[in-house]
Amino acid sequence: MTYDERKNALRYLMFLKEKCDRSIKARGCADGRLQHIYTNKEDSSSPTVSIEAMMLSCAMDAKENRYVVVSDIPAEFLHADMEDNIHMLLEGTLAKMIMKLDQSMYRKHTWYNKRAS
């Protein structure tokens, strides 16, 4: 990766939650705030329904006694068609854990920041 690619890489955010049965649930996402500096909003955001439109749709469904099904497609965002490469930056403990999986695979993608952490 070039210096500019590293500089523009999106940081990966991971959120962990302990569930009632004491299992751990993890969710991850890219911190896209850096994209706003060099990308148009239309090119860097996914279409999201407004809260007003969703509430109006729910009200119409209720009024018309419609049967509504809600589903979640796991990791669907990973299957999105993308024209450009997007680089993700894994830092700290998460980066160390990835390296433990397969050093030979990830070593070439690893770089160290000269700042003290």
PDB file of N, CA and C in Angstrom:
ATOM      1  N   MET A   1       0.838  -1.190   0.000  1.00  0.00           N
ATOM      2  CA  MET A   1       0.000   0.000   0.000  1.00  0.00           C
ATOM      3  C   MET A   1       0.876   1.243   0.000  1.00  0.00           C
ATOM      4  N   THR A   2       0.402   2.237  -0.694  1.00  0.00           N
ATOM      5  CA  THR A   2       1.127   3.497  -0.688  1.00  0.00           C
ATOM      6  C   THR A   2       0.803   4.260   0.587  1.00  0.00           C
ATOM      7  N   TYR A   3       1.561   5.304   0.845  1.00  0.00           N
ATOM      8  CA  TYR A   3       1.315   6.136   2.025  1.00  0.00           C
ATOM      9  C   TYR A   3      -0.085   6.737   1.963  1.00  0.00           C
ATOM     10  N   ASP A   4      -0.499   7.228   0.790  1.00  0.00           N
ATOM     11  CA  ASP A   4      -1.830   7.826   0.655  1.00  0.00           C
ATOM     12  C   ASP A   4      -2.940   6.807   0.886  1.00  0.00           C
ATOM     13  N   GLU A   5      -2.751   5.574   0.421  1.00  0.00           N
ATOM     14  CA  GLU A   5      -3.754   4.536   0.664  1.00  0.00           C
ATOM     15  C   GLU A   5      -3.872   4.233   2.152  1.00  0.00           C
ATOM     16  N   ARG A   6      -2.738   4.180   2.835  1.00  0.00           N
ATOM     17  CA  ARG A   6      -2.779   3.947   4.291  1.00  0.00           C
ATOM     18  C   ARG A   6      -3.439   5.108   5.006  1.00  0.00           C
ATOM     19  N   LYS A   7      -3.121   6.317   4.555  1.00  0.00           N
ATOM     20  CA  LYS A   7      -3.679   7.515   5.190  1.00  0.00           C
ATOM     21  C   LYS A   7      -5.203   7.561   5.021  1.00  0.00           C
ATOM     22  N   ASN A   8      -5.709   7.091   3.886  1.00  0.00           N
ATOM     23  CA  ASN A   8      -7.142   7.142   3.605  1.00  0.00           C
ATOM     24  C   ASN A   8      -7.888   5.874   4.018  1.00  0.00           C
ATOM     25  N   ALA A   9      -7.189   4.910   4.591  1.00  0.00           N
ATOM     26  CA  ALA A   9      -7.847   3.668   5.010  1.00  0.00           C
ATOM     27  C   ALA A   9      -8.873   3.958   6.095  1.00  0.00           C
ATOM     28  N   LEU A  10     -10.005   3.257   6.012  1.00  0.00           N
ATOM     29  CA  LEU A  10     -11.066   3.433   7.000  1.00  0.00           C
ATOM     30  C   LEU A  10     -10.782   2.559   8.206  1.00  0.00           C
ATOM     31  N   ARG A  11     -10.885   3.126   9.371  1.00  0.00           N
ATOM     32  CA  ARG A  11     -10.659   2.347  10.594  1.00  0.00           C
ATOM     33  C   ARG A  11     -11.841   1.404  10.812  1.00  0.00           C
ATOM     34  N   TYR A  12     -11.526   0.232  11.316  1.00  0.00           N
ATOM     35  CA  TYR A  12     -12.541  -0.774  11.602  1.00  0.00           C
ATOM     36  C   TYR A  12     -12.968  -0.634  13.052  1.00  0.00           C
ATOM     37  N   LEU A  13     -14.250  -0.546  13.270  1.00  0.00           N
ATOM     38  CA  LEU A  13     -14.793  -0.433  14.614  1.00  0.00           C
ATOM     39  C   LEU A  13     -15.489  -1.742  14.970  1.00  0.00           C
ATOM     40  N   MET A  14     -15.196  -2.275  16.141  1.00  0.00           N
ATOM     41  CA  MET A  14     -15.844  -3.495  16.578  1.00  0.00           C
ATOM     42  C   MET A  14     -16.521  -3.252  17.921  1.00  0.00           C
ATOM     43  N   PHE A  15     -17.756  -3.714  18.025  1.00  0.00           N
ATOM     44  CA  PHE A  15     -18.539  -3.547  19.242  1.00  0.00           C
ATOM     45  C   PHE A  15     -18.896  -4.930  19.773  1.00  0.00           C
ATOM     46  N   LEU A  16     -18.560  -5.174  21.018  1.00  0.00           N
ATOM     47  CA  LEU A  16     -18.833  -6.458  21.655  1.00  0.00           C
ATOM     48  C   LEU A  16     -19.919  -6.282  22.708  1.00  0.00           C
ATOM     49  N   LYS A  17     -20.800  -7.286  22.789  1.00  0.00           N
ATOM     50  CA  LYS A  17     -21.866  -7.246  23.783  1.00  0.00           C
ATOM     51  C   LYS A  17     -22.048  -8.643  24.356  1.00  0.00           C
ATOM     52  N   GLU A  18     -22.150  -8.713  25.672  1.00  0.00           N
ATOM     53  CA  GLU A  18     -22.425 -10.000  26.304  1.00  0.00           C
ATOM     54  C   GLU A  18     -23.929 -10.181  26.362  1.00  0.00           C
ATOM     55  N   LYS A  19     -24.405 -11.304  25.801  1.00  0.00           N
ATOM     56  CA  LYS A  19     -25.832 -11.580  25.767  1.00  0.00           C
ATOM     57  C   LYS A  19     -26.274 -12.227  27.076  1.00  0.00           C
ATOM     58  N   CYS A  20     -27.574 -12.367  27.249  1.00  0.00           N
ATOM     59  CA  CYS A  20     -28.126 -12.939  28.489  1.00  0.00           C
ATOM     60  C   CYS A  20     -27.589 -14.329  28.787  1.00  0.00           C
ATOM     61  N   ASP A  21     -27.343 -15.115  27.735  1.00  0.00           N
ATOM     62  CA  ASP A  21     -26.831 -16.468  27.948  1.00  0.00           C
ATOM     63  C   ASP A  21     -25.312 -16.498  28.114  1.00  0.00           C
ATOM     64  N   ARG A  22     -24.710 -15.325  28.288  1.00  0.00           N
ATOM     65  CA  ARG A  22     -23.290 -15.115  28.526  1.00  0.00           C
ATOM     66  C   ARG A  22     -22.419 -15.328  27.280  1.00  0.00           C
ATOM     67  N   SER A  23     -23.052 -15.535  26.124  1.00  0.00           N
ATOM     68  CA  SER A  23     -22.277 -15.596  24.885  1.00  0.00           C
ATOM     69  C   SER A  23     -21.949 -14.164  24.454  1.00  0.00           C
ATOM     70  N   ILE A  24     -20.994 -14.034  23.576  1.00  0.00           N
ATOM     71  CA  ILE A  24     -20.556 -12.719  23.131  1.00  0.00           C
ATOM     72  C   ILE A  24     -21.024 -12.490  21.699  1.00  0.00           C
ATOM     73  N   LYS A  25     -21.603 -11.327  21.457  1.00  0.00           N
ATOM     74  CA  LYS A  25     -22.017 -10.950  20.115  1.00  0.00           C
ATOM     75  C   LYS A  25     -21.117  -9.815  19.657  1.00  0.00           C
ATOM     76  N   ALA A  26     -20.609  -9.919  18.439  1.00  0.00           N
ATOM     77  CA  ALA A  26     -19.723  -8.881  17.907  1.00  0.00           C
ATOM     78  C   ALA A  26     -20.334  -8.288  16.646  1.00  0.00           C
ATOM     79  N   ARG A  27     -20.205  -6.991  16.524  1.00  0.00           N
ATOM     80  CA  ARG A  27     -20.614  -6.297  15.305  1.00  0.00           C
ATOM     81  C   ARG A  27     -19.463  -5.404  14.884  1.00  0.00           C
ATOM     82  N   GLY A  28     -19.226  -5.355  13.609  1.00  0.00           N
ATOM     83  CA  GLY A  28     -18.145  -4.517  13.112  1.00  0.00           C
ATOM     84  C   GLY A  28     -18.615  -3.641  11.970  1.00  0.00           C
ATOM     85  N   CYS A  29     -17.961  -2.524  11.820  1.00  0.00           N
ATOM     86  CA  CYS A  29     -18.282  -1.626  10.714  1.00  0.00           C
ATOM     87  C   CYS A  29     -17.083  -0.731  10.428  1.00  0.00           C
ATOM     88  N   ALA A  30     -17.125  -0.124   9.275  1.00  0.00           N
ATOM     89  CA  ALA A  30     -16.068   0.811   8.894  1.00  0.00           C
ATOM     90  C   ALA A  30     -16.441   2.199   9.393  1.00  0.00           C
ATOM     91  N   ASP A  31     -15.462   2.915   9.906  1.00  0.00           N
ATOM     92  CA  ASP A  31     -15.667   4.304  10.322  1.00  0.00           C
ATOM     93  C   ASP A  31     -15.469   5.168   9.082  1.00  0.00           C
ATOM     94  N   GLY A  32     -16.556   5.498   8.413  1.00  0.00           N
ATOM     95  CA  GLY A  32     -16.491   6.206   7.146  1.00  0.00           C
ATOM     96  C   GLY A  32     -16.338   7.706   7.237  1.00  0.00           C
ATOM     97  N   ARG A  33     -16.150   8.238   8.442  1.00  0.00           N
ATOM     98  CA  ARG A  33     -16.054   9.700   8.570  1.00  0.00           C
ATOM     99  C   ARG A  33     -14.903  10.288   7.770  1.00  0.00           C
ATOM    100  N   LEU A  34     -13.786   9.561   7.638  1.00  0.00           N
ATOM    101  CA  LEU A  34     -12.654  10.071   6.872  1.00  0.00           C
ATOM    102  C   LEU A  34     -12.979  10.221   5.391  1.00  0.00           C
ATOM    103  N   GLN A  35     -13.919   9.435   4.888  1.00  0.00           N
ATOM    104  CA  GLN A  35     -14.273   9.512   3.482  1.00  0.00           C
ATOM    105  C   GLN A  35     -14.862  10.870   3.111  1.00  0.00           C
ATOM    106  N   HIS A  36     -15.461  11.548   4.064  1.00  0.00           N
ATOM    107  CA  HIS A  36     -16.098  12.830   3.766  1.00  0.00           C
ATOM    108  C   HIS A  36     -15.090  13.871   3.298  1.00  0.00           C
ATOM    109  N   ILE A  37     -13.833  13.675   3.622  1.00  0.00           N
ATOM    110  CA  ILE A  37     -12.803  14.629   3.229  1.00  0.00           C
ATOM    111  C   ILE A  37     -12.543  14.554   1.724  1.00  0.00           C
ATOM    112  N   TYR A  38     -12.541  13.345   1.164  1.00  0.00           N
ATOM    113  CA  TYR A  38     -12.145  13.178  -0.232  1.00  0.00           C
ATOM    114  C   TYR A  38     -13.198  12.522  -1.122  1.00  0.00           C
ATOM    115  N   THR A  39     -14.419  12.313  -0.616  1.00  0.00           N
ATOM    116  CA  THR A  39     -15.455  11.642  -1.385  1.00  0.00           C
ATOM    117  C   THR A  39     -16.774  12.391  -1.262  1.00  0.00           C
ATOM    118  N   ASN A  40     -17.539  12.421  -2.358  1.00  0.00           N
ATOM    119  CA  ASN A  40     -18.881  13.000  -2.295  1.00  0.00           C
ATOM    120  C   ASN A  40     -19.763  12.149  -1.397  1.00  0.00           C
ATOM    121  N   LYS A  41     -20.703  12.776  -0.710  1.00  0.00           N
ATOM    122  CA  LYS A  41     -21.588  12.058   0.195  1.00  0.00           C
ATOM    123  C   LYS A  41     -22.374  10.972  -0.555  1.00  0.00           C
ATOM    124  N   GLU A  42     -22.798  11.282  -1.776  1.00  0.00           N
ATOM    125  CA  GLU A  42     -23.579  10.321  -2.557  1.00  0.00           C
ATOM    126  C   GLU A  42     -22.766   9.071  -2.892  1.00  0.00           C
ATOM    127  N   ASP A  43     -21.458   9.215  -2.995  1.00  0.00           N
ATOM    128  CA  ASP A  43     -20.596   8.097  -3.353  1.00  0.00           C
ATOM    129  C   ASP A  43     -20.145   7.266  -2.157  1.00  0.00           C
ATOM    130  N   SER A  44     -20.308   7.786  -0.952  1.00  0.00           N
ATOM    131  CA  SER A  44     -19.761   7.085   0.213  1.00  0.00           C
ATOM    132  C   SER A  44     -20.807   6.655   1.236  1.00  0.00           C
ATOM    133  N   SER A  45     -22.074   6.897   0.952  1.00  0.00           N
ATOM    134  CA  SER A  45     -23.097   6.500   1.919  1.00  0.00           C
ATOM    135  C   SER A  45     -24.057   5.512   1.283  1.00  0.00           C
ATOM    136  N   SER A  46     -24.576   4.644   2.095  1.00  0.00           N
ATOM    137  CA  SER A  46     -25.555   3.693   1.582  1.00  0.00           C
ATOM    138  C   SER A  46     -26.943   4.315   1.738  1.00  0.00           C
ATOM    139  N   PRO A  47     -27.841   3.990   0.833  1.00  0.00           N
ATOM    140  CA  PRO A  47     -29.178   4.571   0.933  1.00  0.00           C
ATOM    141  C   PRO A  47     -29.874   4.064   2.201  1.00  0.00           C
ATOM    142  N   THR A  48     -30.330   4.980   3.004  1.00  0.00           N
ATOM    143  CA  THR A  48     -30.993   4.654   4.260  1.00  0.00           C
ATOM    144  C   THR A  48     -32.330   5.365   4.306  1.00  0.00           C
ATOM    145  N   VAL A  49     -33.333   4.641   4.692  1.00  0.00           N
ATOM    146  CA  VAL A  49     -34.669   5.228   4.756  1.00  0.00           C
ATOM    147  C   VAL A  49     -34.736   6.235   5.904  1.00  0.00           C
ATOM    148  N   SER A  50     -35.466   7.309   5.694  1.00  0.00           N
ATOM    149  CA  SER A  50     -35.642   8.288   6.766  1.00  0.00           C
ATOM    150  C   SER A  50     -36.598   7.724   7.808  1.00  0.00           C
ATOM    151  N   ILE A  51     -36.479   8.175   9.029  1.00  0.00           N
ATOM    152  CA  ILE A  51     -37.359   7.692  10.099  1.00  0.00           C
ATOM    153  C   ILE A  51     -38.810   8.051   9.802  1.00  0.00           C
ATOM    154  N   GLU A  52     -39.018   9.220   9.194  1.00  0.00           N
ATOM    155  CA  GLU A  52     -40.371   9.644   8.851  1.00  0.00           C
ATOM    156  C   GLU A  52     -41.004   8.706   7.833  1.00  0.00           C
ATOM    157  N   ALA A  53     -40.245   8.330   6.797  1.00  0.00           N
ATOM    158  CA  ALA A  53     -40.756   7.426   5.763  1.00  0.00           C
ATOM    159  C   ALA A  53     -41.057   6.053   6.345  1.00  0.00           C
ATOM    160  N   MET A  54     -40.193   5.569   7.242  1.00  0.00           N
ATOM    161  CA  MET A  54     -40.423   4.273   7.851  1.00  0.00           C
ATOM    162  C   MET A  54     -41.685   4.298   8.715  1.00  0.00           C
ATOM    163  N   MET A  55     -41.848   5.356   9.513  1.00  0.00           N
ATOM    164  CA  MET A  55     -43.033   5.452  10.378  1.00  0.00           C
ATOM    165  C   MET A  55     -44.315   5.569   9.547  1.00  0.00           C
ATOM    166  N   LEU A  56     -44.257   6.314   8.453  1.00  0.00           N
ATOM    167  CA  LEU A  56     -45.415   6.448   7.571  1.00  0.00           C
ATOM    168  C   LEU A  56     -45.774   5.098   6.956  1.00  0.00           C
ATOM    169  N   SER A  57     -44.768   4.355   6.520  1.00  0.00           N
ATOM    170  CA  SER A  57     -45.008   3.032   5.957  1.00  0.00           C
ATOM    171  C   SER A  57     -45.615   2.093   7.002  1.00  0.00           C
ATOM    172  N   CYS A  58     -45.119   2.155   8.238  1.00  0.00           N
ATOM    173  CA  CYS A  58     -45.672   1.322   9.321  1.00  0.00           C
ATOM    174  C   CYS A  58     -47.122   1.691   9.608  1.00  0.00           C
ATOM    175  N   ALA A  59     -47.413   2.985   9.605  1.00  0.00           N
ATOM    176  CA  ALA A  59     -48.792   3.440   9.853  1.00  0.00           C
ATOM    177  C   ALA A  59     -49.722   2.954   8.742  1.00  0.00           C
ATOM    178  N   MET A  60     -49.275   3.032   7.503  1.00  0.00           N
ATOM    179  CA  MET A  60     -50.091   2.568   6.378  1.00  0.00           C
ATOM    180  C   MET A  60     -50.315   1.052   6.470  1.00  0.00           C
ATOM    181  N   ASP A  61     -49.267   0.306   6.827  1.00  0.00           N
ATOM    182  CA  ASP A  61     -49.396  -1.141   6.977  1.00  0.00           C
ATOM    183  C   ASP A  61     -50.420  -1.481   8.061  1.00  0.00           C
ATOM    184  N   ALA A  62     -50.356  -0.780   9.174  1.00  0.00           N
ATOM    185  CA  ALA A  62     -51.285  -1.032  10.277  1.00  0.00           C
ATOM    186  C   ALA A  62     -52.713  -0.680   9.874  1.00  0.00           C
ATOM    187  N   LYS A  63     -52.885   0.462   9.239  1.00  0.00           N
ATOM    188  CA  LYS A  63     -54.225   0.922   8.818  1.00  0.00           C
ATOM    189  C   LYS A  63     -54.853  -0.063   7.838  1.00  0.00           C
ATOM    190  N   GLU A  64     -54.034  -0.627   6.951  1.00  0.00           N
ATOM    191  CA  GLU A  64     -54.540  -1.543   5.920  1.00  0.00           C
ATOM    192  C   GLU A  64     -54.466  -3.009   6.348  1.00  0.00           C
ATOM    193  N   ASN A  65     -54.167  -3.250   7.640  1.00  0.00           N
ATOM    194  CA  ASN A  65     -54.077  -4.609   8.189  1.00  0.00           C
ATOM    195  C   ASN A  65     -53.175  -5.518   7.350  1.00  0.00           C
ATOM    196  N   ARG A  66     -52.045  -4.987   6.943  1.00  0.00           N
ATOM    197  CA  ARG A  66     -51.101  -5.758   6.140  1.00  0.00           C
ATOM    198  C   ARG A  66     -50.278  -6.688   7.025  1.00  0.00           C
ATOM    199  N   TYR A  67     -49.916  -7.818   6.467  1.00  0.00           N
ATOM    200  CA  TYR A  67     -49.029  -8.757   7.133  1.00  0.00           C
ATOM    201  C   TYR A  67     -47.601  -8.347   6.777  1.00  0.00           C
ATOM    202  N   VAL A  68     -46.776  -8.051   7.770  1.00  0.00           N
ATOM    203  CA  VAL A  68     -45.430  -7.542   7.538  1.00  0.00           C
ATOM    204  C   VAL A  68     -44.408  -8.540   8.063  1.00  0.00           C
ATOM    205  N   VAL A  69     -43.407  -8.807   7.260  1.00  0.00           N
ATOM    206  CA  VAL A  69     -42.316  -9.708   7.646  1.00  0.00           C
ATOM    207  C   VAL A  69     -41.025  -8.902   7.673  1.00  0.00           C
ATOM    208  N   VAL A  70     -40.262  -9.057   8.725  1.00  0.00           N
ATOM    209  CA  VAL A  70     -38.969  -8.385   8.845  1.00  0.00           C
ATOM    210  C   VAL A  70     -37.893  -9.448   8.806  1.00  0.00           C
ATOM    211  N   SER A  71     -36.862  -9.195   8.030  1.00  0.00           N
ATOM    212  CA  SER A  71     -35.774 -10.158   7.967  1.00  0.00           C
ATOM    213  C   SER A  71     -34.447  -9.418   7.954  1.00  0.00           C
ATOM    214  N   ASP A  72     -33.417 -10.146   8.306  1.00  0.00           N
ATOM    215  CA  ASP A  72     -32.068  -9.603   8.298  1.00  0.00           C
ATOM    216  C   ASP A  72     -31.220 -10.536   7.453  1.00  0.00           C
ATOM    217  N   ILE A  73     -30.480  -9.965   6.516  1.00  0.00           N
ATOM    218  CA  ILE A  73     -29.587 -10.761   5.689  1.00  0.00           C
ATOM    219  C   ILE A  73     -28.183 -10.554   6.243  1.00  0.00           C
ATOM    220  N   PRO A  74     -27.634 -11.545   6.949  1.00  0.00           N
ATOM    221  CA  PRO A  74     -26.326 -11.368   7.591  1.00  0.00           C
ATOM    222  C   PRO A  74     -25.232 -10.995   6.591  1.00  0.00           C
ATOM    223  N   ALA A  75     -24.480  -9.981   6.942  1.00  0.00           N
ATOM    224  CA  ALA A  75     -23.327  -9.527   6.169  1.00  0.00           C
ATOM    225  C   ALA A  75     -23.677  -9.140   4.736  1.00  0.00           C
ATOM    226  N   GLU A  76     -24.888  -8.718   4.496  1.00  0.00           N
ATOM    227  CA  GLU A  76     -25.307  -8.349   3.143  1.00  0.00           C
ATOM    228  C   GLU A  76     -24.440  -7.225   2.577  1.00  0.00           C
ATOM    229  N   PHE A  77     -24.015  -6.298   3.420  1.00  0.00           N
ATOM    230  CA  PHE A  77     -23.184  -5.197   2.937  1.00  0.00           C
ATOM    231  C   PHE A  77     -21.875  -5.695   2.329  1.00  0.00           C
ATOM    232  N   LEU A  78     -21.442  -6.872   2.714  1.00  0.00           N
ATOM    233  CA  LEU A  78     -20.204  -7.422   2.174  1.00  0.00           C
ATOM    234  C   LEU A  78     -20.351  -7.830   0.714  1.00  0.00           C
ATOM    235  N   HIS A  79     -21.596  -7.979   0.260  1.00  0.00           N
ATOM    236  CA  HIS A  79     -21.846  -8.425  -1.103  1.00  0.00           C
ATOM    237  C   HIS A  79     -22.206  -7.274  -2.036  1.00  0.00           C
ATOM    238  N   ALA A  80     -22.044  -6.061  -1.581  1.00  0.00           N
ATOM    239  CA  ALA A  80     -22.389  -4.902  -2.403  1.00  0.00           C
ATOM    240  C   ALA A  80     -21.420  -4.760  -3.572  1.00  0.00           C
ATOM    241  N   ASP A  81     -21.952  -4.334  -4.724  1.00  0.00           N
ATOM    242  CA  ASP A  81     -21.094  -4.062  -5.872  1.00  0.00           C
ATOM    243  C   ASP A  81     -20.343  -2.766  -5.632  1.00  0.00           C
ATOM    244  N   MET A  82     -19.028  -2.814  -5.745  1.00  0.00           N
ATOM    245  CA  MET A  82     -18.204  -1.634  -5.522  1.00  0.00           C
ATOM    246  C   MET A  82     -17.213  -1.503  -6.668  1.00  0.00           C
ATOM    247  N   GLU A  83     -17.022  -0.276  -7.133  1.00  0.00           N
ATOM    248  CA  GLU A  83     -16.098  -0.044  -8.231  1.00  0.00           C
ATOM    249  C   GLU A  83     -14.682   0.231  -7.733  1.00  0.00           C
ATOM    250  N   ASP A  84     -14.544   0.901  -6.609  1.00  0.00           N
ATOM    251  CA  ASP A  84     -13.243   1.281  -6.078  1.00  0.00           C
ATOM    252  C   ASP A  84     -12.816   0.328  -4.969  1.00  0.00           C
ATOM    253  N   ASN A  85     -11.514   0.260  -4.738  1.00  0.00           N
ATOM    254  CA  ASN A  85     -10.996  -0.480  -3.595  1.00  0.00           C
ATOM    255  C   ASN A  85     -11.159   0.376  -2.344  1.00  0.00           C
ATOM    256  N   ILE A  86     -11.597  -0.237  -1.279  1.00  0.00           N
ATOM    257  CA  ILE A  86     -11.698   0.435   0.014  1.00  0.00           C
ATOM    258  C   ILE A  86     -10.774  -0.321   0.956  1.00  0.00           C
ATOM    259  N   HIS A  87      -9.843   0.389   1.569  1.00  0.00           N
ATOM    260  CA  HIS A  87      -8.906  -0.235   2.494  1.00  0.00           C
ATOM    261  C   HIS A  87      -9.397  -0.051   3.923  1.00  0.00           C
ATOM    262  N   MET A  88      -9.348  -1.145   4.686  1.00  0.00           N
ATOM    263  CA  MET A  88      -9.755  -1.119   6.088  1.00  0.00           C
ATOM    264  C   MET A  88      -8.503  -1.218   6.954  1.00  0.00           C
ATOM    265  N   LEU A  89      -8.490  -0.468   8.018  1.00  0.00           N
ATOM    266  CA  LEU A  89      -7.358  -0.427   8.929  1.00  0.00           C
ATOM    267  C   LEU A  89      -7.748  -1.113  10.235  1.00  0.00           C
ATOM    268  N   LEU A  90      -7.102  -2.237  10.511  1.00  0.00           N
ATOM    269  CA  LEU A  90      -7.311  -2.939  11.776  1.00  0.00           C
ATOM    270  C   LEU A  90      -6.162  -2.548  12.689  1.00  0.00           C
ATOM    271  N   GLU A  91      -6.501  -2.111  13.900  1.00  0.00           N
ATOM    272  CA  GLU A  91      -5.471  -1.615  14.815  1.00  0.00           C
ATOM    273  C   GLU A  91      -5.492  -2.385  16.129  1.00  0.00           C
ATOM    274  N   GLY A  92      -4.412  -2.259  16.868  1.00  0.00           N
ATOM    275  CA  GLY A  92      -4.337  -2.753  18.239  1.00  0.00           C
ATOM    276  C   GLY A  92      -4.578  -4.241  18.370  1.00  0.00           C
ATOM    277  N   THR A  93      -5.396  -4.609  19.338  1.00  0.00           N
ATOM    278  CA  THR A  93      -5.651  -6.007  19.668  1.00  0.00           C
ATOM    279  C   THR A  93      -6.230  -6.769  18.489  1.00  0.00           C
ATOM    280  N   LEU A  94      -7.129  -6.137  17.754  1.00  0.00           N
ATOM    281  CA  LEU A  94      -7.743  -6.805  16.609  1.00  0.00           C
ATOM    282  C   LEU A  94      -6.691  -7.166  15.558  1.00  0.00           C
ATOM    283  N   ALA A  95      -5.773  -6.259  15.287  1.00  0.00           N
ATOM    284  CA  ALA A  95      -4.696  -6.532  14.324  1.00  0.00           C
ATOM    285  C   ALA A  95      -3.806  -7.673  14.824  1.00  0.00           C
ATOM    286  N   LYS A  96      -3.499  -7.689  16.104  1.00  0.00           N
ATOM    287  CA  LYS A  96      -2.671  -8.763  16.663  1.00  0.00           C
ATOM    288  C   LYS A  96      -3.373 -10.114  16.551  1.00  0.00           C
ATOM    289  N   MET A  97      -4.691 -10.125  16.768  1.00  0.00           N
ATOM    290  CA  MET A  97      -5.448 -11.374  16.670  1.00  0.00           C
ATOM    291  C   MET A  97      -5.471 -11.890  15.236  1.00  0.00           C
ATOM    292  N   ILE A  98      -5.617 -10.997  14.265  1.00  0.00           N
ATOM    293  CA  ILE A  98      -5.604 -11.383  12.859  1.00  0.00           C
ATOM    294  C   ILE A  98      -4.240 -11.973  12.490  1.00  0.00           C
ATOM    295  N   MET A  99      -3.182 -11.360  12.982  1.00  0.00           N
ATOM    296  CA  MET A  99      -1.825 -11.861  12.704  1.00  0.00           C
ATOM    297  C   MET A  99      -1.637 -13.268  13.259  1.00  0.00           C
ATOM    298  N   LYS A 100      -2.253 -13.566  14.404  1.00  0.00           N
ATOM    299  CA  LYS A 100      -2.128 -14.901  14.992  1.00  0.00           C
ATOM    300  C   LYS A 100      -2.819 -15.961  14.126  1.00  0.00           C
ATOM    301  N   LEU A 101      -3.818 -15.563  13.338  1.00  0.00           N
ATOM    302  CA  LEU A 101      -4.511 -16.526  12.485  1.00  0.00           C
ATOM    303  C   LEU A 101      -3.595 -17.100  11.420  1.00  0.00           C
ATOM    304  N   ASP A 102      -2.855 -16.215  10.739  1.00  0.00           N
ATOM    305  CA  ASP A 102      -1.975 -16.671   9.662  1.00  0.00           C
ATOM    306  C   ASP A 102      -0.954 -15.584   9.353  1.00  0.00           C
ATOM    307  N   GLN A 103       0.186 -15.647  10.021  1.00  0.00           N
ATOM    308  CA  GLN A 103       1.219 -14.619   9.841  1.00  0.00           C
ATOM    309  C   GLN A 103       1.715 -14.556   8.404  1.00  0.00           C
ATOM    310  N   SER A 104       1.867 -15.701   7.755  1.00  0.00           N
ATOM    311  CA  SER A 104       2.390 -15.693   6.388  1.00  0.00           C
ATOM    312  C   SER A 104       1.449 -14.963   5.434  1.00  0.00           C
ATOM    313  N   MET A 105       0.174 -15.013   5.704  1.00  0.00           N
ATOM    314  CA  MET A 105      -0.803 -14.356   4.839  1.00  0.00           C
ATOM    315  C   MET A 105      -0.881 -12.853   5.108  1.00  0.00           C
ATOM    316  N   TYR A 106      -0.853 -12.467   6.378  1.00  0.00           N
ATOM    317  CA  TYR A 106      -1.104 -11.071   6.737  1.00  0.00           C
ATOM    318  C   TYR A 106       0.153 -10.232   6.938  1.00  0.00           C
ATOM    319  N   ARG A 107       1.313 -10.850   7.008  1.00  0.00           N
ATOM    320  CA  ARG A 107       2.559 -10.111   7.248  1.00  0.00           C
ATOM    321  C   ARG A 107       2.770  -9.011   6.205  1.00  0.00           C
ATOM    322  N   LYS A 108       2.502  -9.317   4.922  1.00  0.00           N
ATOM    323  CA  LYS A 108       2.737  -8.333   3.857  1.00  0.00           C
ATOM    324  C   LYS A 108       1.788  -7.139   3.942  1.00  0.00           C
ATOM    325  N   HIS A 109       0.694  -7.283   4.686  1.00  0.00           N
ATOM    326  CA  HIS A 109      -0.274  -6.203   4.827  1.00  0.00           C
ATOM    327  C   HIS A 109      -0.104  -5.445   6.144  1.00  0.00           C
ATOM    328  N   THR A 110       0.894  -5.817   6.921  1.00  0.00           N
ATOM    329  CA  THR A 110       1.098  -5.224   8.243  1.00  0.00           C
ATOM    330  C   THR A 110       2.144  -4.122   8.168  1.00  0.00           C
ATOM    331  N   TRP A 111       1.846  -3.006   8.787  1.00  0.00           N
ATOM    332  CA  TRP A 111       2.835  -1.929   8.908  1.00  0.00           C
ATOM    333  C   TRP A 111       2.679  -1.330  10.284  1.00  0.00           C
ATOM    334  N   TYR A 112       3.755  -0.746  10.755  1.00  0.00           N
ATOM    335  CA  TYR A 112       3.782  -0.222  12.110  1.00  0.00           C
ATOM    336  C   TYR A 112       3.899   1.293  12.054  1.00  0.00           C
ATOM    337  N   ASN A 113       3.069   1.940  12.852  1.00  0.00           N
ATOM    338  CA  ASN A 113       3.103   3.395  12.949  1.00  0.00           C
ATOM    339  C   ASN A 113       4.243   3.769  13.871  1.00  0.00           C
ATOM    340  N   LYS A 114       4.987   4.793  13.522  1.00  0.00           N
ATOM    341  CA  LYS A 114       6.144   5.187  14.325  1.00  0.00           C
ATOM    342  C   LYS A 114       5.749   5.917  15.596  1.00  0.00           C
ATOM    343  N   ARG A 115       4.476   6.350  15.683  1.00  0.00           N
ATOM    344  CA  ARG A 115       4.007   7.015  16.913  1.00  0.00           C
ATOM    345  C   ARG A 115       3.988   6.020  18.064  1.00  0.00           C
ATOM    346  N   ALA A 116       4.238   6.545  19.242  1.00  0.00           N
ATOM    347  CA  ALA A 116       4.130   5.684  20.431  1.00  0.00           C
ATOM    348  C   ALA A 116       2.660   5.443  20.689  1.00  0.00           C
ATOM    349  N   SER A 117       2.307   4.194  21.001  1.00  0.00           N
ATOM    350  CA  SER A 117       0.892   3.878  21.254  1.00  0.00           C
ATOM    351  C   SER A 117       0.624   3.701  22.714  1.00  0.00           C
TER     352      SER A 117
END
